[in-house]
């Protein structure tokens, strides 16, 4: 494997645009295919075998109202027993609401309204919007303190995403900049990891043809992929810089870095993939789908580390060499001036 990786790294560094172009084409194909043929990710959290899941199935088979999705509205008022009546009536008029029930605390200050909806496949995100608007109107028309929650929010309300990934990238940039002392050396691992994230996340809608992928899987896979991608790139870039410091030419430095650190990347990535695929034995469909999605992301990062990153290292070195040559003054051609003195 060492000899194969050496040849792969040297070839990628010598002809960087071949590998870079191949990855660009792959990314475009995956993005286009995902947009045209990709399936939507699953919102289901089915866990066959659990008592709660079996109870929900029995309720659904009996067509009982309790087998659907619920939302909770909590109100606080000095006389919650009286105030809960108009709140419950307003919520009962919302579309798709099958019924409401309420209970009041012993001191009469807190009331809970349980809003019953049908199964999630009969609902849309607009049902959550309708509930929010109704609660907002109730707040404006009275002095009640109202708070909401429940399964309906869990099913359709998406938490803000991207903040954790952005924060992780910023921290990684700072750490890499301190470690390498170069914006170029810092940017290569970040760039490779981001490119791998694009390919990995967009491919998940295509993986759904093989196994159902839960809707939360891309966020978790992005965090794992970002971590392992930068980590693997750090191995290779560090060894590459050590080889350059030892006086090796760029293709040789890249080839030897991939022949040594590349083996560690493949071994580490393979270990992570096998470990995460161990979730297959859990027997829980949405957990299994999440494990497959994360493993696919790690696999993409390993492939990018041993093919795309060497090409980026070779291309970056070629640009720096061309820039240095452009900054150097042109040499005067040899010759003899007057009196035979060399010009």
C-alpha atoms as a PDB file:
ATOM      1  CA  UNK A   1       0.000   0.000   0.000  1.00  0.00           C
ATOM      2  CA  UNK A   2       2.858   2.373   0.750  1.00  0.00           C
ATOM      3  CA  UNK A   3       4.182   2.147  -2.816  1.00  0.00           C
ATOM      4  CA  UNK A   4       0.697   2.657  -4.263  1.00  0.00           C
ATOM      5  CA  UNK A   5       0.069   5.721  -2.116  1.00  0.00           C
ATOM      6  CA  UNK A   6       3.490   7.123  -3.022  1.00  0.00           C
ATOM      7  CA  UNK A   7       2.713   6.875  -6.718  1.00  0.00           C
ATOM      8  CA  UNK A   8      -0.752   8.312  -6.191  1.00  0.00           C
ATOM      9  CA  UNK A   9       0.555  11.307  -4.248  1.00  0.00           C
ATOM     10  CA  UNK A  10       3.390  12.000  -6.660  1.00  0.00           C
ATOM     11  CA  UNK A  11       1.055  11.762  -9.662  1.00  0.00           C
ATOM     12  CA  UNK A  12      -1.517  14.071  -8.061  1.00  0.00           C
ATOM     13  CA  UNK A  13       1.162  16.641  -7.193  1.00  0.00           C
ATOM     14  CA  UNK A  14       2.677  16.486 -10.690  1.00  0.00           C
ATOM     15  CA  UNK A  15      -0.667  16.804 -12.499  1.00  0.00           C
ATOM     16  CA  UNK A  16      -2.870  18.534  -9.918  1.00  0.00           C
ATOM     17  CA  UNK A  17      -5.589  19.682 -12.300  1.00  0.00           C
ATOM     18  CA  UNK A  18      -6.427  16.089 -13.205  1.00  0.00           C
ATOM     19  CA  UNK A  19      -7.419  15.236  -9.638  1.00  0.00           C
ATOM     20  CA  UNK A  20      -8.973  18.652  -8.943  1.00  0.00           C
ATOM     21  CA  UNK A  21     -10.989  18.482 -12.157  1.00  0.00           C
ATOM     22  CA  UNK A  22     -12.186  14.975 -11.353  1.00  0.00           C
ATOM     23  CA  UNK A  23     -13.438  16.107  -7.953  1.00  0.00           C
ATOM     24  CA  UNK A  24     -15.151  19.153  -9.433  1.00  0.00           C
ATOM     25  CA  UNK A  25     -16.913  16.953 -12.000  1.00  0.00           C
ATOM     26  CA  UNK A  26     -17.881  14.490  -9.264  1.00  0.00           C
ATOM     27  CA  UNK A  27     -19.300  17.300  -7.119  1.00  0.00           C
ATOM     28  CA  UNK A  28     -21.327  18.695 -10.020  1.00  0.00           C
ATOM     29  CA  UNK A  29     -22.690  15.256 -10.896  1.00  0.00           C
ATOM     30  CA  UNK A  30     -23.653  14.520  -7.288  1.00  0.00           C
ATOM     31  CA  UNK A  31     -25.299  17.925  -6.796  1.00  0.00           C
ATOM     32  CA  UNK A  32     -27.219  17.706 -10.076  1.00  0.00           C
ATOM     33  CA  UNK A  33     -28.303  14.101  -9.462  1.00  0.00           C
ATOM     34  CA  UNK A  34     -29.388  14.905  -5.916  1.00  0.00           C
ATOM     35  CA  UNK A  35     -31.443  17.877  -7.102  1.00  0.00           C
ATOM     36  CA  UNK A  36     -33.054  15.898  -9.932  1.00  0.00           C
ATOM     37  CA  UNK A  37     -33.496  12.415  -8.487  1.00  0.00           C
ATOM     38  CA  UNK A  38     -32.770  12.635  -4.760  1.00  0.00           C
ATOM     39  CA  UNK A  39     -35.374  11.481  -2.266  1.00  0.00           C
ATOM     40  CA  UNK A  40     -36.455  13.473   0.755  1.00  0.00           C
ATOM     41  CA  UNK A  41     -34.939  12.465   4.073  1.00  0.00           C
ATOM     42  CA  UNK A  42     -37.147  10.664   6.565  1.00  0.00           C
ATOM     43  CA  UNK A  43     -38.758  12.405   9.543  1.00  0.00           C
ATOM     44  CA  UNK A  44     -39.664   9.082  11.135  1.00  0.00           C
ATOM     45  CA  UNK A  45     -38.294   7.986  14.512  1.00  0.00           C
ATOM     46  CA  UNK A  46     -39.634   4.462  14.429  1.00  0.00           C
ATOM     47  CA  UNK A  47     -38.132   2.042  16.924  1.00  0.00           C
ATOM     48  CA  UNK A  48     -39.702  -1.397  16.384  1.00  0.00           C
ATOM     49  CA  UNK A  49     -39.665  -3.625  19.421  1.00  0.00           C
ATOM     50  CA  UNK A  50     -40.032  -0.874  22.014  1.00  0.00           C
ATOM     51  CA  UNK A  51     -43.152  -0.883  24.170  1.00  0.00           C
ATOM     52  CA  UNK A  52     -43.940   2.731  23.294  1.00  0.00           C
ATOM     53  CA  UNK A  53     -43.728   1.964  19.574  1.00  0.00           C
ATOM     54  CA  UNK A  54     -46.018  -1.046  19.917  1.00  0.00           C
ATOM     55  CA  UNK A  55     -48.498   1.048  21.892  1.00  0.00           C
ATOM     56  CA  UNK A  56     -48.507   3.712  19.174  1.00  0.00           C
ATOM     57  CA  UNK A  57     -49.109   1.031  16.534  1.00  0.00           C
ATOM     58  CA  UNK A  58     -52.076  -0.334  18.486  1.00  0.00           C
ATOM     59  CA  UNK A  59     -53.567   3.147  18.773  1.00  0.00           C
ATOM     60  CA  UNK A  60     -53.072   3.740  15.060  1.00  0.00           C
ATOM     61  CA  UNK A  61     -54.700   0.402  14.170  1.00  0.00           C
ATOM     62  CA  UNK A  62     -57.645   1.237  16.425  1.00  0.00           C
ATOM     63  CA  UNK A  63     -57.830   4.688  14.766  1.00  0.00           C
ATOM     64  CA  UNK A  64     -57.739   6.269  18.195  1.00  0.00           C
ATOM     65  CA  UNK A  65     -57.139  10.002  18.409  1.00  0.00           C
ATOM     66  CA  UNK A  66     -54.326   9.451  20.895  1.00  0.00           C
ATOM     67  CA  UNK A  67     -52.286   7.699  18.198  1.00  0.00           C
ATOM     68  CA  UNK A  68     -51.419  10.950  16.449  1.00  0.00           C
ATOM     69  CA  UNK A  69     -49.225  13.964  17.165  1.00  0.00           C
ATOM     70  CA  UNK A  70     -49.781  16.277  20.121  1.00  0.00           C
ATOM     71  CA  UNK A  71     -48.929  19.842  21.016  1.00  0.00           C
ATOM     72  CA  UNK A  72     -48.935  21.400  24.476  1.00  0.00           C
ATOM     73  CA  UNK A  73     -49.887  24.936  25.450  1.00  0.00           C
ATOM     74  CA  UNK A  74     -49.133  26.035  29.014  1.00  0.00           C
ATOM     75  CA  UNK A  75     -50.739  29.198  30.388  1.00  0.00           C
ATOM     76  CA  UNK A  76     -50.155  31.098  33.585  1.00  0.00           C
ATOM     77  CA  UNK A  77     -52.814  33.372  35.030  1.00  0.00           C
ATOM     78  CA  UNK A  78     -54.253  34.204  38.468  1.00  0.00           C
ATOM     79  CA  UNK A  79     -57.439  32.357  37.530  1.00  0.00           C
ATOM     80  CA  UNK A  80     -56.228  29.697  35.138  1.00  0.00           C
ATOM     81  CA  UNK A  81     -59.390  27.610  35.607  1.00  0.00           C
ATOM     82  CA  UNK A  82     -61.450  30.325  33.932  1.00  0.00           C
ATOM     83  CA  UNK A  83     -58.842  31.590  31.483  1.00  0.00           C
ATOM     84  CA  UNK A  84     -58.163  28.171  30.010  1.00  0.00           C
ATOM     85  CA  UNK A  85     -61.681  27.902  28.547  1.00  0.00           C
ATOM     86  CA  UNK A  86     -61.316  30.486  25.717  1.00  0.00           C
ATOM     87  CA  UNK A  87     -57.755  29.292  25.029  1.00  0.00           C
ATOM     88  CA  UNK A  88     -58.910  25.722  24.609  1.00  0.00           C
ATOM     89  CA  UNK A  89     -61.820  26.813  22.404  1.00  0.00           C
ATOM     90  CA  UNK A  90     -59.541  28.841  20.113  1.00  0.00           C
ATOM     91  CA  UNK A  91     -57.100  25.980  19.718  1.00  0.00           C
ATOM     92  CA  UNK A  92     -59.877  23.491  19.012  1.00  0.00           C
ATOM     93  CA  UNK A  93     -60.897  25.516  15.922  1.00  0.00           C
ATOM     94  CA  UNK A  94     -57.503  25.124  14.207  1.00  0.00           C
ATOM     95  CA  UNK A  95     -57.316  22.945  11.069  1.00  0.00           C
ATOM     96  CA  UNK A  96     -56.675  19.226  11.633  1.00  0.00           C
ATOM     97  CA  UNK A  97     -57.141  19.515  15.411  1.00  0.00           C
ATOM     98  CA  UNK A  98     -59.076  16.443  16.554  1.00  0.00           C
ATOM     99  CA  UNK A  99     -59.708  17.646  20.065  1.00  0.00           C
ATOM    100  CA  UNK A 100     -58.298  19.334  23.154  1.00  0.00           C
ATOM    101  CA  UNK A 101     -58.065  18.479  26.827  1.00  0.00           C
ATOM    102  CA  UNK A 102     -56.953  20.618  29.739  1.00  0.00           C
ATOM    103  CA  UNK A 103     -55.837  20.274  33.327  1.00  0.00           C
ATOM    104  CA  UNK A 104     -55.188  22.879  36.013  1.00  0.00           C
ATOM    105  CA  UNK A 105     -52.694  22.879  38.854  1.00  0.00           C
ATOM    106  CA  UNK A 106     -53.884  22.620  42.454  1.00  0.00           C
ATOM    107  CA  UNK A 107     -53.255  26.296  43.172  1.00  0.00           C
ATOM    108  CA  UNK A 108     -55.180  27.307  40.028  1.00  0.00           C
ATOM    109  CA  UNK A 109     -52.369  29.397  38.504  1.00  0.00           C
ATOM    110  CA  UNK A 110     -51.094  27.023  35.829  1.00  0.00           C
ATOM    111  CA  UNK A 111     -53.110  25.235  33.138  1.00  0.00           C
ATOM    112  CA  UNK A 112     -52.050  22.764  30.469  1.00  0.00           C
ATOM    113  CA  UNK A 113     -53.917  22.379  27.179  1.00  0.00           C
ATOM    114  CA  UNK A 114     -53.203  19.216  25.188  1.00  0.00           C
ATOM    115  CA  UNK A 115     -53.936  19.669  21.481  1.00  0.00           C
ATOM    116  CA  UNK A 116     -54.474  16.406  19.614  1.00  0.00           C
ATOM    117  CA  UNK A 117     -53.568  16.083  15.904  1.00  0.00           C
ATOM    118  CA  UNK A 118     -53.763  13.054  13.563  1.00  0.00           C
ATOM    119  CA  UNK A 119     -50.706  11.055  12.508  1.00  0.00           C
ATOM    120  CA  UNK A 120     -47.766  13.041  11.148  1.00  0.00           C
ATOM    121  CA  UNK A 121     -48.275  11.864   7.563  1.00  0.00           C
ATOM    122  CA  UNK A 122     -51.575  13.789   7.523  1.00  0.00           C
ATOM    123  CA  UNK A 123     -49.980  17.033   8.721  1.00  0.00           C
ATOM    124  CA  UNK A 124     -47.854  19.771   7.208  1.00  0.00           C
ATOM    125  CA  UNK A 125     -45.572  22.492   8.498  1.00  0.00           C
ATOM    126  CA  UNK A 126     -48.480  24.938   8.064  1.00  0.00           C
ATOM    127  CA  UNK A 127     -50.243  23.249  10.989  1.00  0.00           C
ATOM    128  CA  UNK A 128     -47.411  24.330  13.257  1.00  0.00           C
ATOM    129  CA  UNK A 129     -47.581  27.848  11.807  1.00  0.00           C
ATOM    130  CA  UNK A 130     -51.320  27.974  12.505  1.00  0.00           C
ATOM    131  CA  UNK A 131     -50.758  26.955  16.116  1.00  0.00           C
ATOM    132  CA  UNK A 132     -48.058  29.599  16.593  1.00  0.00           C
ATOM    133  CA  UNK A 133     -50.272  32.310  15.093  1.00  0.00           C
ATOM    134  CA  UNK A 134     -53.200  31.329  17.324  1.00  0.00           C
ATOM    135  CA  UNK A 135     -51.032  31.454  20.452  1.00  0.00           C
ATOM    136  CA  UNK A 136     -49.591  34.820  19.388  1.00  0.00           C
ATOM    137  CA  UNK A 137     -53.118  36.211  18.934  1.00  0.00           C
ATOM    138  CA  UNK A 138     -54.116  34.943  22.372  1.00  0.00           C
ATOM    139  CA  UNK A 139     -51.106  36.680  23.899  1.00  0.00           C
ATOM    140  CA  UNK A 140     -52.020  39.977  22.266  1.00  0.00           C
ATOM    141  CA  UNK A 141     -55.701  39.812  23.230  1.00  0.00           C
ATOM    142  CA  UNK A 142     -55.062  39.059  26.910  1.00  0.00           C
ATOM    143  CA  UNK A 143     -52.467  39.304  29.636  1.00  0.00           C
ATOM    144  CA  UNK A 144     -51.867  35.572  29.683  1.00  0.00           C
ATOM    145  CA  UNK A 145     -48.410  34.045  29.770  1.00  0.00           C
ATOM    146  CA  UNK A 146     -48.424  31.286  27.154  1.00  0.00           C
ATOM    147  CA  UNK A 147     -45.712  28.782  26.245  1.00  0.00           C
ATOM    148  CA  UNK A 148     -45.864  25.990  23.671  1.00  0.00           C
ATOM    149  CA  UNK A 149     -44.174  22.676  22.947  1.00  0.00           C
ATOM    150  CA  UNK A 150     -44.833  19.058  22.103  1.00  0.00           C
ATOM    151  CA  UNK A 151     -44.472  16.566  19.276  1.00  0.00           C
ATOM    152  CA  UNK A 152     -45.749  18.969  16.615  1.00  0.00           C
ATOM    153  CA  UNK A 153     -42.781  21.270  17.213  1.00  0.00           C
ATOM    154  CA  UNK A 154     -40.364  18.362  17.229  1.00  0.00           C
ATOM    155  CA  UNK A 155     -41.738  17.153  13.893  1.00  0.00           C
ATOM    156  CA  UNK A 156     -41.794  20.407  11.914  1.00  0.00           C
ATOM    157  CA  UNK A 157     -39.705  23.058  13.652  1.00  0.00           C
ATOM    158  CA  UNK A 158     -36.103  22.987  12.496  1.00  0.00           C
ATOM    159  CA  UNK A 159     -33.504  24.213  14.923  1.00  0.00           C
ATOM    160  CA  UNK A 160     -31.027  26.805  13.608  1.00  0.00           C
ATOM    161  CA  UNK A 161     -28.285  24.908  11.829  1.00  0.00           C
ATOM    162  CA  UNK A 162     -24.873  25.871  10.656  1.00  0.00           C
ATOM    163  CA  UNK A 163     -23.832  27.895  13.711  1.00  0.00           C
ATOM    164  CA  UNK A 164     -21.905  25.021  15.269  1.00  0.00           C
ATOM    165  CA  UNK A 165     -20.195  24.190  11.983  1.00  0.00           C
ATOM    166  CA  UNK A 166     -19.214  27.817  11.391  1.00  0.00           C
ATOM    167  CA  UNK A 167     -17.844  28.144  14.914  1.00  0.00           C
ATOM    168  CA  UNK A 168     -15.885  24.920  14.456  1.00  0.00           C
ATOM    169  CA  UNK A 169     -14.390  26.155  11.192  1.00  0.00           C
ATOM    170  CA  UNK A 170     -13.350  29.473  12.746  1.00  0.00           C
ATOM    171  CA  UNK A 171     -11.672  27.732  15.692  1.00  0.00           C
ATOM    172  CA  UNK A 172      -9.953  25.284  13.351  1.00  0.00           C
ATOM    173  CA  UNK A 173      -8.663  28.156  11.201  1.00  0.00           C
ATOM    174  CA  UNK A 174      -7.173  29.871  14.245  1.00  0.00           C
ATOM    175  CA  UNK A 175      -5.529  26.683  15.503  1.00  0.00           C
ATOM    176  CA  UNK A 176      -4.114  25.793  12.078  1.00  0.00           C
ATOM    177  CA  UNK A 177      -2.859  29.311  11.520  1.00  0.00           C
ATOM    178  CA  UNK A 178      -1.013  29.226  14.832  1.00  0.00           C
ATOM    179  CA  UNK A 179       0.370  25.743  14.120  1.00  0.00           C
ATOM    180  CA  UNK A 180       1.527  26.391  10.542  1.00  0.00           C
ATOM    181  CA  UNK A 181       2.085  30.147  10.581  1.00  0.00           C
ATOM    182  CA  UNK A 182       0.861  30.330   6.975  1.00  0.00           C
ATOM    183  CA  UNK A 183      -2.514  31.193   5.491  1.00  0.00           C
ATOM    184  CA  UNK A 184      -1.899  28.829   2.592  1.00  0.00           C
ATOM    185  CA  UNK A 185      -1.072  25.855   4.814  1.00  0.00           C
ATOM    186  CA  UNK A 186      -4.068  26.725   6.984  1.00  0.00           C
ATOM    187  CA  UNK A 187      -6.441  27.059   4.048  1.00  0.00           C
ATOM    188  CA  UNK A 188      -5.721  23.715   2.384  1.00  0.00           C
ATOM    189  CA  UNK A 189      -7.169  21.467   5.152  1.00  0.00           C
ATOM    190  CA  UNK A 190     -10.156  23.795   5.569  1.00  0.00           C
ATOM    191  CA  UNK A 191     -10.805  23.934   1.824  1.00  0.00           C
ATOM    192  CA  UNK A 192     -10.562  20.178   1.418  1.00  0.00           C
ATOM    193  CA  UNK A 193     -12.896  19.565   4.366  1.00  0.00           C
ATOM    194  CA  UNK A 194     -15.504  22.018   3.054  1.00  0.00           C
ATOM    195  CA  UNK A 195     -15.354  20.462  -0.409  1.00  0.00           C
ATOM    196  CA  UNK A 196     -15.832  17.027   1.131  1.00  0.00           C
ATOM    197  CA  UNK A 197     -18.806  18.302   3.140  1.00  0.00           C
ATOM    198  CA  UNK A 198     -20.522  19.524  -0.020  1.00  0.00           C
ATOM    199  CA  UNK A 199     -20.104  16.165  -1.753  1.00  0.00           C
ATOM    200  CA  UNK A 200     -21.010  14.129   1.332  1.00  0.00           C
ATOM    201  CA  UNK A 201     -24.130  16.048   2.360  1.00  0.00           C
ATOM    202  CA  UNK A 202     -25.587  16.364  -1.131  1.00  0.00           C
ATOM    203  CA  UNK A 203     -25.072  12.640  -1.731  1.00  0.00           C
ATOM    204  CA  UNK A 204     -27.355  11.681   1.163  1.00  0.00           C
ATOM    205  CA  UNK A 205     -30.494  12.177  -0.911  1.00  0.00           C
ATOM    206  CA  UNK A 206     -29.074   9.570  -3.281  1.00  0.00           C
ATOM    207  CA  UNK A 207     -28.122   7.165  -0.483  1.00  0.00           C
ATOM    208  CA  UNK A 208     -31.825   7.045   0.422  1.00  0.00           C
ATOM    209  CA  UNK A 209     -32.277   4.700  -2.546  1.00  0.00           C
ATOM    210  CA  UNK A 210     -30.357   2.124  -0.490  1.00  0.00           C
ATOM    211  CA  UNK A 211     -31.537   2.950   3.026  1.00  0.00           C
ATOM    212  CA  UNK A 212     -33.777   5.567   4.653  1.00  0.00           C
ATOM    213  CA  UNK A 213     -31.736   8.477   6.009  1.00  0.00           C
ATOM    214  CA  UNK A 214     -33.197  10.490   8.920  1.00  0.00           C
ATOM    215  CA  UNK A 215     -33.558  14.237   8.542  1.00  0.00           C
ATOM    216  CA  UNK A 216     -31.144  14.929  11.407  1.00  0.00           C
ATOM    217  CA  UNK A 217     -28.317  12.904   9.856  1.00  0.00           C
ATOM    218  CA  UNK A 218     -26.773  15.673   7.660  1.00  0.00           C
ATOM    219  CA  UNK A 219     -26.109  17.936  10.658  1.00  0.00           C
ATOM    220  CA  UNK A 220     -24.444  15.184  12.674  1.00  0.00           C
ATOM    221  CA  UNK A 221     -22.530  13.915   9.637  1.00  0.00           C
ATOM    222  CA  UNK A 222     -21.321  17.463   8.916  1.00  0.00           C
ATOM    223  CA  UNK A 223     -19.877  17.831  12.415  1.00  0.00           C
ATOM    224  CA  UNK A 224     -18.153  14.451  12.279  1.00  0.00           C
ATOM    225  CA  UNK A 225     -16.955  14.983   8.711  1.00  0.00           C
ATOM    226  CA  UNK A 226     -15.553  18.407   9.465  1.00  0.00           C
ATOM    227  CA  UNK A 227     -13.587  17.040  12.399  1.00  0.00           C
ATOM    228  CA  UNK A 228     -12.110  14.003  10.672  1.00  0.00           C
ATOM    229  CA  UNK A 229     -11.488  15.879   7.409  1.00  0.00           C
ATOM    230  CA  UNK A 230      -9.389  18.574   9.050  1.00  0.00           C
ATOM    231  CA  UNK A 231      -7.675  15.988  11.235  1.00  0.00           C
ATOM    232  CA  UNK A 232      -6.679  13.788   8.302  1.00  0.00           C
ATOM    233  CA  UNK A 233      -5.527  16.765   6.253  1.00  0.00           C
ATOM    234  CA  UNK A 234      -3.437  17.915   9.199  1.00  0.00           C
ATOM    235  CA  UNK A 235      -1.524  14.611   9.188  1.00  0.00           C
ATOM    236  CA  UNK A 236      -0.649  14.949   5.524  1.00  0.00           C
ATOM    237  CA  UNK A 237       0.169  18.656   5.471  1.00  0.00           C
ATOM    238  CA  UNK A 238       2.438  18.340   8.510  1.00  0.00           C
ATOM    239  CA  UNK A 239       4.394  15.450   6.987  1.00  0.00           C
ATOM    240  CA  UNK A 240       4.566  17.257   3.630  1.00  0.00           C
ATOM    241  CA  UNK A 241       6.063  20.367   5.241  1.00  0.00           C
ATOM    242  CA  UNK A 242       8.607  18.220   7.088  1.00  0.00           C
ATOM    243  CA  UNK A 243       9.646  16.659   3.791  1.00  0.00           C
ATOM    244  CA  UNK A 244      10.002  20.070   2.162  1.00  0.00           C
ATOM    245  CA  UNK A 245      12.151  21.247   5.066  1.00  0.00           C
ATOM    246  CA  UNK A 246      14.379  18.216   4.467  1.00  0.00           C
ATOM    247  CA  UNK A 247      15.083  19.493   0.953  1.00  0.00           C
ATOM    248  CA  UNK A 248      12.771  17.257  -1.080  1.00  0.00           C
ATOM    249  CA  UNK A 249      11.140  18.461  -4.282  1.00  0.00           C
ATOM    250  CA  UNK A 250       7.375  19.074  -4.110  1.00  0.00           C
ATOM    251  CA  UNK A 251       6.237  15.886  -5.933  1.00  0.00           C
ATOM    252  CA  UNK A 252       8.611  13.786  -3.849  1.00  0.00           C
ATOM    253  CA  UNK A 253       7.477  15.475  -0.616  1.00  0.00           C
ATOM    254  CA  UNK A 254       3.817  14.901  -1.425  1.00  0.00           C
ATOM    255  CA  UNK A 255       4.421  11.286  -2.463  1.00  0.00           C
ATOM    256  CA  UNK A 256       6.339  10.430   0.686  1.00  0.00           C
ATOM    257  CA  UNK A 257       3.771  12.219   2.868  1.00  0.00           C
ATOM    258  CA  UNK A 258       0.974  10.156   1.358  1.00  0.00           C
ATOM    259  CA  UNK A 259       3.017   6.942   1.587  1.00  0.00           C
ATOM    260  CA  UNK A 260       3.491   7.429   5.339  1.00  0.00           C
ATOM    261  CA  UNK A 261       0.771   9.634   6.834  1.00  0.00           C
ATOM    262  CA  UNK A 262      -1.685   8.483   4.164  1.00  0.00           C
ATOM    263  CA  UNK A 263      -1.629   4.978   5.585  1.00  0.00           C
ATOM    264  CA  UNK A 264      -2.577   6.372   8.995  1.00  0.00           C
ATOM    265  CA  UNK A 265      -5.440   8.317   7.392  1.00  0.00           C
ATOM    266  CA  UNK A 266      -6.812   5.224   5.655  1.00  0.00           C
ATOM    267  CA  UNK A 267      -6.479   3.089   8.786  1.00  0.00           C
ATOM    268  CA  UNK A 268      -8.076   5.739  11.031  1.00  0.00           C
ATOM    269  CA  UNK A 269     -10.891   6.426   8.586  1.00  0.00           C
ATOM    270  CA  UNK A 270     -11.588   2.740   8.081  1.00  0.00           C
ATOM    271  CA  UNK A 271     -11.734   2.229  11.825  1.00  0.00           C
ATOM    272  CA  UNK A 272     -14.245   5.061  12.215  1.00  0.00           C
ATOM    273  CA  UNK A 273     -16.412   3.723   9.382  1.00  0.00           C
ATOM    274  CA  UNK A 274     -16.480   0.193  10.800  1.00  0.00           C
ATOM    275  CA  UNK A 275     -17.172   1.462  14.317  1.00  0.00           C
ATOM    276  CA  UNK A 276     -20.084   3.654  13.239  1.00  0.00           C
ATOM    277  CA  UNK A 277     -21.530   0.908  11.037  1.00  0.00           C
ATOM    278  CA  UNK A 278     -21.777  -1.088  14.254  1.00  0.00           C
ATOM    279  CA  UNK A 279     -25.047   0.822  14.731  1.00  0.00           C
ATOM    280  CA  UNK A 280     -26.514  -1.585  12.172  1.00  0.00           C
ATOM    281  CA  UNK A 281     -26.889  -4.190  14.917  1.00  0.00           C
ATOM    282  CA  UNK A 282     -29.024  -1.848  17.021  1.00  0.00           C
ATOM    283  CA  UNK A 283     -32.103  -2.809  15.038  1.00  0.00           C
ATOM    284  CA  UNK A 284     -33.493   0.737  15.137  1.00  0.00           C
ATOM    285  CA  UNK A 285     -34.110   2.008  11.586  1.00  0.00           C
ATOM    286  CA  UNK A 286     -33.457   5.711  12.112  1.00  0.00           C
ATOM    287  CA  UNK A 287     -30.285   4.992  14.102  1.00  0.00           C
ATOM    288  CA  UNK A 288     -29.080   2.642  11.382  1.00  0.00           C
ATOM    289  CA  UNK A 289     -29.754   5.254   8.697  1.00  0.00           C
ATOM    290  CA  UNK A 290     -27.879   7.890  10.667  1.00  0.00           C
ATOM    291  CA  UNK A 291     -24.894   5.576  11.054  1.00  0.00           C
ATOM    292  CA  UNK A 292     -24.779   4.883   7.322  1.00  0.00           C
ATOM    293  CA  UNK A 293     -24.924   8.614   6.551  1.00  0.00           C
ATOM    294  CA  UNK A 294     -22.067   9.415   8.936  1.00  0.00           C
ATOM    295  CA  UNK A 295     -19.975   6.542   7.606  1.00  0.00           C
ATOM    296  CA  UNK A 296     -20.503   7.756   4.035  1.00  0.00           C
ATOM    297  CA  UNK A 297     -19.305  11.216   5.058  1.00  0.00           C
ATOM    298  CA  UNK A 298     -16.152   9.816   6.692  1.00  0.00           C
ATOM    299  CA  UNK A 299     -15.462   7.719   3.589  1.00  0.00           C
ATOM    300  CA  UNK A 300     -15.719  10.817   1.385  1.00  0.00           C
ATOM    301  CA  UNK A 301     -13.238  12.622   3.643  1.00  0.00           C
ATOM    302  CA  UNK A 302     -10.747   9.762   3.441  1.00  0.00           C
ATOM    303  CA  UNK A 303     -10.946   9.691  -0.355  1.00  0.00           C
ATOM    304  CA  UNK A 304     -10.546  13.464  -0.535  1.00  0.00           C
ATOM    305  CA  UNK A 305      -7.543  13.324   1.789  1.00  0.00           C
ATOM    306  CA  UNK A 306      -5.615  10.834  -0.354  1.00  0.00           C
ATOM    307  CA  UNK A 307      -6.557  12.245  -3.769  1.00  0.00           C
ATOM    308  CA  UNK A 308      -7.732  15.869  -3.625  1.00  0.00           C
ATOM    309  CA  UNK A 309      -5.390  17.150  -0.918  1.00  0.00           C
ATOM    310  CA  UNK A 310      -2.154  15.971  -2.669  1.00  0.00           C
ATOM    311  CA  UNK A 311      -3.330  17.757  -5.820  1.00  0.00           C
ATOM    312  CA  UNK A 312      -3.997  20.938  -3.831  1.00  0.00           C
ATOM    313  CA  UNK A 313      -0.539  20.713  -2.271  1.00  0.00           C
ATOM    314  CA  UNK A 314       1.071  20.330  -5.693  1.00  0.00           C
ATOM    315  CA  UNK A 315      -0.963  23.152  -7.220  1.00  0.00           C
ATOM    316  CA  UNK A 316      -0.207  25.483  -4.306  1.00  0.00           C
ATOM    317  CA  UNK A 317       3.532  24.798  -4.580  1.00  0.00           C
ATOM    318  CA  UNK A 318       3.457  25.360  -8.347  1.00  0.00           C
ATOM    319  CA  UNK A 319       1.776  28.741  -7.891  1.00  0.00           C
ATOM    320  CA  UNK A 320       4.290  29.831  -5.280  1.00  0.00           C
ATOM    321  CA  UNK A 321       7.168  28.781  -7.549  1.00  0.00           C
ATOM    322  CA  UNK A 322       5.691  30.708 -10.474  1.00  0.00           C
ATOM    323  CA  UNK A 323       5.194  33.768  -8.280  1.00  0.00           C
ATOM    324  CA  UNK A 324       8.804  33.701  -7.072  1.00  0.00           C
ATOM    325  CA  UNK A 325      10.094  33.441 -10.627  1.00  0.00           C
ATOM    326  CA  UNK A 326       7.929  36.366 -11.673  1.00  0.00           C
ATOM    327  CA  UNK A 327       9.333  38.517  -8.862  1.00  0.00           C
ATOM    328  CA  UNK A 328      12.958  37.812  -9.769  1.00  0.00           C
ATOM    329  CA  UNK A 329      14.642  40.306 -12.176  1.00  0.00           C
ATOM    330  CA  UNK A 330      15.512  38.843 -15.581  1.00  0.00           C
ATOM    331  CA  UNK A 331      19.074  37.672 -15.947  1.00  0.00           C
ATOM    332  CA  UNK A 332      21.304  39.471 -18.420  1.00  0.00           C
ATOM    333  CA  UNK A 333      22.602  37.310 -21.200  1.00  0.00           C
ATOM    334  CA  UNK A 334      26.319  36.598 -21.156  1.00  0.00           C
ATOM    335  CA  UNK A 335      28.574  38.316 -23.737  1.00  0.00           C
ATOM    336  CA  UNK A 336      31.580  40.522 -24.085  1.00  0.00           C
ATOM    337  CA  UNK A 337      31.546  44.250 -24.146  1.00  0.00           C
ATOM    338  CA  UNK A 338      34.120  46.619 -25.459  1.00  0.00           C
ATOM    339  CA  UNK A 339      37.691  45.556 -24.884  1.00  0.00           C
ATOM    340  CA  UNK A 340      36.707  41.913 -24.358  1.00  0.00           C
ATOM    341  CA  UNK A 341      35.309  42.562 -20.882  1.00  0.00           C
ATOM    342  CA  UNK A 342      32.352  40.300 -20.142  1.00  0.00           C
ATOM    343  CA  UNK A 343      29.086  42.237 -20.313  1.00  0.00           C
END
